Amino acid sequence: MNNHLDEEIPETECSCGEMHRGHICWLTHMGLLSESYHLSSDPTVSCTKCGAKANLPHNVCFPAPLEK
């Protein structure tokens, strides 16, 4: 599988104001939807800012545990 994050992609600011290339909101903004989907296939947290759901807390800007 081709990892798009290894290619020359411009470093843009994440929605939280930092330069994050692995957050779901950044991946979605850059059109990397398959990578975004991979990080949210079995979500355990959601972002309190944008609502994105992720498998791991470090993949969103402001993680909060999902209610079970």
PDB file of N, CA and C in Angstrom:
ATOM      1  N   MET A   1       0.839  -1.183   0.000  1.00  0.00           N
ATOM      2  CA  MET A   1       0.000   0.000   0.000  1.00  0.00           C
ATOM      3  C   MET A   1       0.880   1.242   0.000  1.00  0.00           C
ATOM      4  N   ASN A   2       0.570   2.189  -0.815  1.00  0.00           N
ATOM      5  CA  ASN A   2       1.317   3.421  -0.920  1.00  0.00           C
ATOM      6  C   ASN A   2       0.954   4.335   0.245  1.00  0.00           C
ATOM      7  N   ASN A   3       1.926   4.741   1.026  1.00  0.00           N
ATOM      8  CA  ASN A   3       1.689   5.620   2.169  1.00  0.00           C
ATOM      9  C   ASN A   3       1.815   7.058   1.703  1.00  0.00           C
ATOM     10  N   HIS A   4       0.702   7.747   1.544  1.00  0.00           N
ATOM     11  CA  HIS A   4       0.693   9.114   1.049  1.00  0.00           C
ATOM     12  C   HIS A   4       1.401  10.086   1.978  1.00  0.00           C
ATOM     13  N   LEU A   5       1.543   9.761   3.259  1.00  0.00           N
ATOM     14  CA  LEU A   5       2.184  10.680   4.185  1.00  0.00           C
ATOM     15  C   LEU A   5       3.682  10.782   3.942  1.00  0.00           C
ATOM     16  N   ASP A   6       4.269   9.814   3.227  1.00  0.00           N
ATOM     17  CA  ASP A   6       5.690   9.852   2.922  1.00  0.00           C
ATOM     18  C   ASP A   6       5.997  10.713   1.702  1.00  0.00           C
ATOM     19  N   GLU A   7       4.982  11.061   0.930  1.00  0.00           N
ATOM     20  CA  GLU A   7       5.164  11.872  -0.263  1.00  0.00           C
ATOM     21  C   GLU A   7       5.343  13.335   0.137  1.00  0.00           C
ATOM     22  N   GLU A   8       5.726  14.143  -0.829  1.00  0.00           N
ATOM     23  CA  GLU A   8       5.891  15.570  -0.588  1.00  0.00           C
ATOM     24  C   GLU A   8       4.518  16.237  -0.524  1.00  0.00           C
ATOM     25  N   ILE A   9       3.990  16.359   0.672  1.00  0.00           N
ATOM     26  CA  ILE A   9       2.713  17.026   0.904  1.00  0.00           C
ATOM     27  C   ILE A   9       3.016  18.283   1.704  1.00  0.00           C
ATOM     28  N   PRO A  10       2.461  19.415   1.287  1.00  0.00           N
ATOM     29  CA  PRO A  10       2.755  20.645   2.027  1.00  0.00           C
ATOM     30  C   PRO A  10       2.292  20.540   3.476  1.00  0.00           C
ATOM     31  N   GLU A  11       3.105  21.049   4.381  1.00  0.00           N
ATOM     32  CA  GLU A  11       2.771  21.048   5.808  1.00  0.00           C
ATOM     33  C   GLU A  11       1.792  22.191   6.043  1.00  0.00           C
ATOM     34  N   THR A  12       0.538  21.853   6.297  1.00  0.00           N
ATOM     35  CA  THR A  12      -0.461  22.870   6.560  1.00  0.00           C
ATOM     36  C   THR A  12      -0.877  22.813   8.016  1.00  0.00           C
ATOM     37  N   GLU A  13      -1.448  23.876   8.470  1.00  0.00           N
ATOM     38  CA  GLU A  13      -1.850  23.962   9.861  1.00  0.00           C
ATOM     39  C   GLU A  13      -3.091  23.115  10.115  1.00  0.00           C
ATOM     40  N   CYS A  14      -3.062  22.362  11.189  1.00  0.00           N
ATOM     41  CA  CYS A  14      -4.178  21.530  11.624  1.00  0.00           C
ATOM     42  C   CYS A  14      -5.269  22.437  12.195  1.00  0.00           C
ATOM     43  N   SER A  15      -6.468  21.910  12.358  1.00  0.00           N
ATOM     44  CA  SER A  15      -7.562  22.723  12.886  1.00  0.00           C
ATOM     45  C   SER A  15      -7.322  23.164  14.323  1.00  0.00           C
ATOM     46  N   CYS A  16      -6.402  22.511  15.032  1.00  0.00           N
ATOM     47  CA  CYS A  16      -6.114  22.913  16.410  1.00  0.00           C
ATOM     48  C   CYS A  16      -5.028  23.982  16.468  1.00  0.00           C
ATOM     49  N   GLY A  17      -4.512  24.398  15.303  1.00  0.00           N
ATOM     50  CA  GLY A  17      -3.516  25.460  15.260  1.00  0.00           C
ATOM     51  C   GLY A  17      -2.086  24.971  15.250  1.00  0.00           C
ATOM     52  N   GLU A  18      -1.868  23.671  15.277  1.00  0.00           N
ATOM     53  CA  GLU A  18      -0.521  23.099  15.253  1.00  0.00           C
ATOM     54  C   GLU A  18      -0.251  22.514  13.871  1.00  0.00           C
ATOM     55  N   MET A  19       0.953  22.034  13.668  1.00  0.00           N
ATOM     56  CA  MET A  19       1.336  21.441  12.392  1.00  0.00           C
ATOM     57  C   MET A  19       1.284  19.923  12.506  1.00  0.00           C
ATOM     58  N   HIS A  20       0.102  19.359  12.543  1.00  0.00           N
ATOM     59  CA  HIS A  20      -0.074  17.920  12.698  1.00  0.00           C
ATOM     60  C   HIS A  20      -0.386  17.268  11.363  1.00  0.00           C
ATOM     61  N   ARG A  21       0.397  16.258  11.009  1.00  0.00           N
ATOM     62  CA  ARG A  21       0.147  15.541   9.760  1.00  0.00           C
ATOM     63  C   ARG A  21      -0.593  14.246   9.985  1.00  0.00           C
ATOM     64  N   GLY A  22      -0.836  13.832  11.216  1.00  0.00           N
ATOM     65  CA  GLY A  22      -1.480  12.557  11.461  1.00  0.00           C
ATOM     66  C   GLY A  22      -2.881  12.663  12.023  1.00  0.00           C
ATOM     67  N   HIS A  23      -3.359  13.868  12.258  1.00  0.00           N
ATOM     68  CA  HIS A  23      -4.705  14.012  12.805  1.00  0.00           C
ATOM     69  C   HIS A  23      -5.748  13.791  11.704  1.00  0.00           C
ATOM     70  N   ILE A  24      -6.854  13.194  12.086  1.00  0.00           N
ATOM     71  CA  ILE A  24      -7.900  12.872  11.121  1.00  0.00           C
ATOM     72  C   ILE A  24      -8.404  14.114  10.397  1.00  0.00           C
ATOM     73  N   CYS A  25      -8.546  15.235  11.098  1.00  0.00           N
ATOM     74  CA  CYS A  25      -9.018  16.448  10.421  1.00  0.00           C
ATOM     75  C   CYS A  25      -8.022  16.905   9.357  1.00  0.00           C
ATOM     76  N   TRP A  26      -6.724  16.772   9.619  1.00  0.00           N
ATOM     77  CA  TRP A  26      -5.711  17.154   8.631  1.00  0.00           C
ATOM     78  C   TRP A  26      -5.759  16.209   7.437  1.00  0.00           C
ATOM     79  N   LEU A  27      -5.838  14.902   7.717  1.00  0.00           N
ATOM     80  CA  LEU A  27      -5.892  13.913   6.632  1.00  0.00           C
ATOM     81  C   LEU A  27      -7.104  14.154   5.734  1.00  0.00           C
ATOM     82  N   THR A  28      -8.250  14.418   6.352  1.00  0.00           N
ATOM     83  CA  THR A  28      -9.471  14.668   5.585  1.00  0.00           C
ATOM     84  C   THR A  28      -9.327  15.933   4.758  1.00  0.00           C
ATOM     85  N   HIS A  29      -8.798  16.996   5.358  1.00  0.00           N
ATOM     86  CA  HIS A  29      -8.590  18.260   4.652  1.00  0.00           C
ATOM     87  C   HIS A  29      -7.671  18.076   3.445  1.00  0.00           C
ATOM     88  N   MET A  30      -6.670  17.212   3.569  1.00  0.00           N
ATOM     89  CA  MET A  30      -5.732  16.984   2.485  1.00  0.00           C
ATOM     90  C   MET A  30      -6.260  15.975   1.462  1.00  0.00           C
ATOM     91  N   GLY A  31      -7.462  15.444   1.681  1.00  0.00           N
ATOM     92  CA  GLY A  31      -8.049  14.496   0.734  1.00  0.00           C
ATOM     93  C   GLY A  31      -7.546  13.073   0.904  1.00  0.00           C
ATOM     94  N   LEU A  32      -6.910  12.777   2.026  1.00  0.00           N
ATOM     95  CA  LEU A  32      -6.376  11.435   2.280  1.00  0.00           C
ATOM     96  C   LEU A  32      -7.410  10.613   3.043  1.00  0.00           C
ATOM     97  N   LEU A  33      -8.520  10.352   2.382  1.00  0.00           N
ATOM     98  CA  LEU A  33      -9.661   9.724   3.037  1.00  0.00           C
ATOM     99  C   LEU A  33      -9.413   8.275   3.423  1.00  0.00           C
ATOM    100  N   SER A  34      -8.647   7.530   2.638  1.00  0.00           N
ATOM    101  CA  SER A  34      -8.388   6.136   3.002  1.00  0.00           C
ATOM    102  C   SER A  34      -7.535   6.057   4.270  1.00  0.00           C
ATOM    103  N   GLU A  35      -6.584   6.982   4.432  1.00  0.00           N
ATOM    104  CA  GLU A  35      -5.791   7.022   5.656  1.00  0.00           C
ATOM    105  C   GLU A  35      -6.661   7.415   6.847  1.00  0.00           C
ATOM    106  N   SER A  36      -7.538   8.363   6.630  1.00  0.00           N
ATOM    107  CA  SER A  36      -8.452   8.796   7.679  1.00  0.00           C
ATOM    108  C   SER A  36      -9.361   7.645   8.111  1.00  0.00           C
ATOM    109  N   TYR A  37      -9.885   6.918   7.142  1.00  0.00           N
ATOM    110  CA  TYR A  37     -10.758   5.786   7.443  1.00  0.00           C
ATOM    111  C   TYR A  37     -10.004   4.723   8.239  1.00  0.00           C
ATOM    112  N   HIS A  38      -8.774   4.457   7.876  1.00  0.00           N
ATOM    113  CA  HIS A  38      -7.956   3.458   8.565  1.00  0.00           C
ATOM    114  C   HIS A  38      -7.784   3.801  10.050  1.00  0.00           C
ATOM    115  N   LEU A  39      -7.679   5.085  10.375  1.00  0.00           N
ATOM    116  CA  LEU A  39      -7.479   5.521  11.753  1.00  0.00           C
ATOM    117  C   LEU A  39      -8.774   5.617  12.554  1.00  0.00           C
ATOM    118  N   SER A  40      -9.903   5.370  11.882  1.00  0.00           N
ATOM    119  CA  SER A  40     -11.191   5.481  12.576  1.00  0.00           C
ATOM    120  C   SER A  40     -12.054   4.234  12.404  1.00  0.00           C
ATOM    121  N   SER A  41     -11.432   3.111  12.088  1.00  0.00           N
ATOM    122  CA  SER A  41     -12.186   1.878  11.822  1.00  0.00           C
ATOM    123  C   SER A  41     -12.788   1.256  13.077  1.00  0.00           C
ATOM    124  N   ASP A  42     -12.191   1.525  14.256  1.00  0.00           N
ATOM    125  CA  ASP A  42     -12.682   0.990  15.527  1.00  0.00           C
ATOM    126  C   ASP A  42     -12.507   2.072  16.597  1.00  0.00           C
ATOM    127  N   PRO A  43     -13.302   3.150  16.523  1.00  0.00           N
ATOM    128  CA  PRO A  43     -13.052   4.328  17.353  1.00  0.00           C
ATOM    129  C   PRO A  43     -13.248   4.113  18.853  1.00  0.00           C
ATOM    130  N   THR A  44     -12.380   4.754  19.619  1.00  0.00           N
ATOM    131  CA  THR A  44     -12.474   4.755  21.082  1.00  0.00           C
ATOM    132  C   THR A  44     -12.564   6.169  21.637  1.00  0.00           C
ATOM    133  N   VAL A  45     -12.224   7.179  20.801  1.00  0.00           N
ATOM    134  CA  VAL A  45     -12.264   8.582  21.217  1.00  0.00           C
ATOM    135  C   VAL A  45     -12.912   9.436  20.135  1.00  0.00           C
ATOM    136  N   SER A  46     -13.347  10.624  20.529  1.00  0.00           N
ATOM    137  CA  SER A  46     -13.815  11.609  19.557  1.00  0.00           C
ATOM    138  C   SER A  46     -13.153  12.936  19.874  1.00  0.00           C
ATOM    139  N   CYS A  47     -13.057  13.790  18.881  1.00  0.00           N
ATOM    140  CA  CYS A  47     -12.469  15.109  19.061  1.00  0.00           C
ATOM    141  C   CYS A  47     -13.552  16.057  19.570  1.00  0.00           C
ATOM    142  N   THR A  48     -13.273  16.753  20.658  1.00  0.00           N
ATOM    143  CA  THR A  48     -14.263  17.674  21.208  1.00  0.00           C
ATOM    144  C   THR A  48     -14.412  18.927  20.358  1.00  0.00           C
ATOM    145  N   LYS A  49     -13.483  19.171  19.427  1.00  0.00           N
ATOM    146  CA  LYS A  49     -13.577  20.350  18.560  1.00  0.00           C
ATOM    147  C   LYS A  49     -14.360  20.056  17.278  1.00  0.00           C
ATOM    148  N   CYS A  50     -13.982  18.980  16.574  1.00  0.00           N
ATOM    149  CA  CYS A  50     -14.605  18.730  15.269  1.00  0.00           C
ATOM    150  C   CYS A  50     -15.518  17.511  15.251  1.00  0.00           C
ATOM    151  N   GLY A  51     -15.460  16.688  16.295  1.00  0.00           N
ATOM    152  CA  GLY A  51     -16.335  15.518  16.370  1.00  0.00           C
ATOM    153  C   GLY A  51     -15.798  14.280  15.675  1.00  0.00           C
ATOM    154  N   ALA A  52     -14.604  14.368  15.086  1.00  0.00           N
ATOM    155  CA  ALA A  52     -14.030  13.201  14.410  1.00  0.00           C
ATOM    156  C   ALA A  52     -13.818  12.074  15.415  1.00  0.00           C
ATOM    157  N   LYS A  53     -14.094  10.859  14.989  1.00  0.00           N
ATOM    158  CA  LYS A  53     -13.888   9.691  15.838  1.00  0.00           C
ATOM    159  C   LYS A  53     -12.617   8.981  15.389  1.00  0.00           C
ATOM    160  N   ALA A  54     -11.830   8.499  16.374  1.00  0.00           N
ATOM    161  CA  ALA A  54     -10.545   7.874  16.068  1.00  0.00           C
ATOM    162  C   ALA A  54     -10.310   6.665  16.955  1.00  0.00           C
ATOM    163  N   ASN A  55      -9.474   5.768  16.453  1.00  0.00           N
ATOM    164  CA  ASN A  55      -9.099   4.587  17.231  1.00  0.00           C
ATOM    165  C   ASN A  55      -8.242   4.964  18.429  1.00  0.00           C
ATOM    166  N   LEU A  56      -7.341   5.937  18.248  1.00  0.00           N
ATOM    167  CA  LEU A  56      -6.378   6.309  19.281  1.00  0.00           C
ATOM    168  C   LEU A  56      -6.431   7.815  19.546  1.00  0.00           C
ATOM    169  N   PRO A  57      -6.190   8.226  20.784  1.00  0.00           N
ATOM    170  CA  PRO A  57      -6.274   9.650  21.130  1.00  0.00           C
ATOM    171  C   PRO A  57      -5.330  10.555  20.344  1.00  0.00           C
ATOM    172  N   HIS A  58      -4.158  10.059  19.960  1.00  0.00           N
ATOM    173  CA  HIS A  58      -3.208  10.935  19.260  1.00  0.00           C
ATOM    174  C   HIS A  58      -3.584  11.213  17.807  1.00  0.00           C
ATOM    175  N   ASN A  59      -4.698  10.671  17.348  1.00  0.00           N
ATOM    176  CA  ASN A  59      -5.137  10.927  15.978  1.00  0.00           C
ATOM    177  C   ASN A  59      -6.187  12.025  15.869  1.00  0.00           C
ATOM    178  N   VAL A  60      -6.525  12.671  16.995  1.00  0.00           N
ATOM    179  CA  VAL A  60      -7.418  13.830  16.976  1.00  0.00           C
ATOM    180  C   VAL A  60      -6.798  14.938  17.817  1.00  0.00           C
ATOM    181  N   CYS A  61      -7.278  16.146  17.652  1.00  0.00           N
ATOM    182  CA  CYS A  61      -6.695  17.309  18.340  1.00  0.00           C
ATOM    183  C   CYS A  61      -7.049  17.350  19.828  1.00  0.00           C
ATOM    184  N   PHE A  62      -8.312  17.127  20.124  1.00  0.00           N
ATOM    185  CA  PHE A  62      -8.796  17.235  21.505  1.00  0.00           C
ATOM    186  C   PHE A  62      -9.595  15.986  21.846  1.00  0.00           C
ATOM    187  N   PRO A  63      -8.903  14.871  22.216  1.00  0.00           N
ATOM    188  CA  PRO A  63      -9.591  13.600  22.416  1.00  0.00           C
ATOM    189  C   PRO A  63     -10.423  13.542  23.692  1.00  0.00           C
ATOM    190  N   ALA A  64     -11.558  12.857  23.577  1.00  0.00           N
ATOM    191  CA  ALA A  64     -12.417  12.550  24.719  1.00  0.00           C
ATOM    192  C   ALA A  64     -12.923  11.131  24.510  1.00  0.00           C
ATOM    193  N   PRO A  65     -13.001  10.319  25.563  1.00  0.00           N
ATOM    194  CA  PRO A  65     -13.466   8.935  25.412  1.00  0.00           C
ATOM    195  C   PRO A  65     -14.893   8.890  24.882  1.00  0.00           C
ATOM    196  N   LEU A  66     -15.150   7.937  24.016  1.00  0.00           N
ATOM    197  CA  LEU A  66     -16.512   7.716  23.518  1.00  0.00           C
ATOM    198  C   LEU A  66     -17.349   7.065  24.608  1.00  0.00           C
ATOM    199  N   GLU A  67     -18.599   7.459  24.689  1.00  0.00           N
ATOM    200  CA  GLU A  67     -19.528   6.832  25.621  1.00  0.00           C
ATOM    201  C   GLU A  67     -19.834   5.431  25.121  1.00  0.00           C
ATOM    202  N   LYS A  68     -19.870   4.473  26.037  1.00  0.00           N
ATOM    203  CA  LYS A  68     -20.187   3.091  25.636  1.00  0.00           C
ATOM    204  C   LYS A  68     -21.629   2.789  25.833  1.00  0.00           C
TER     205      LYS A  68
END
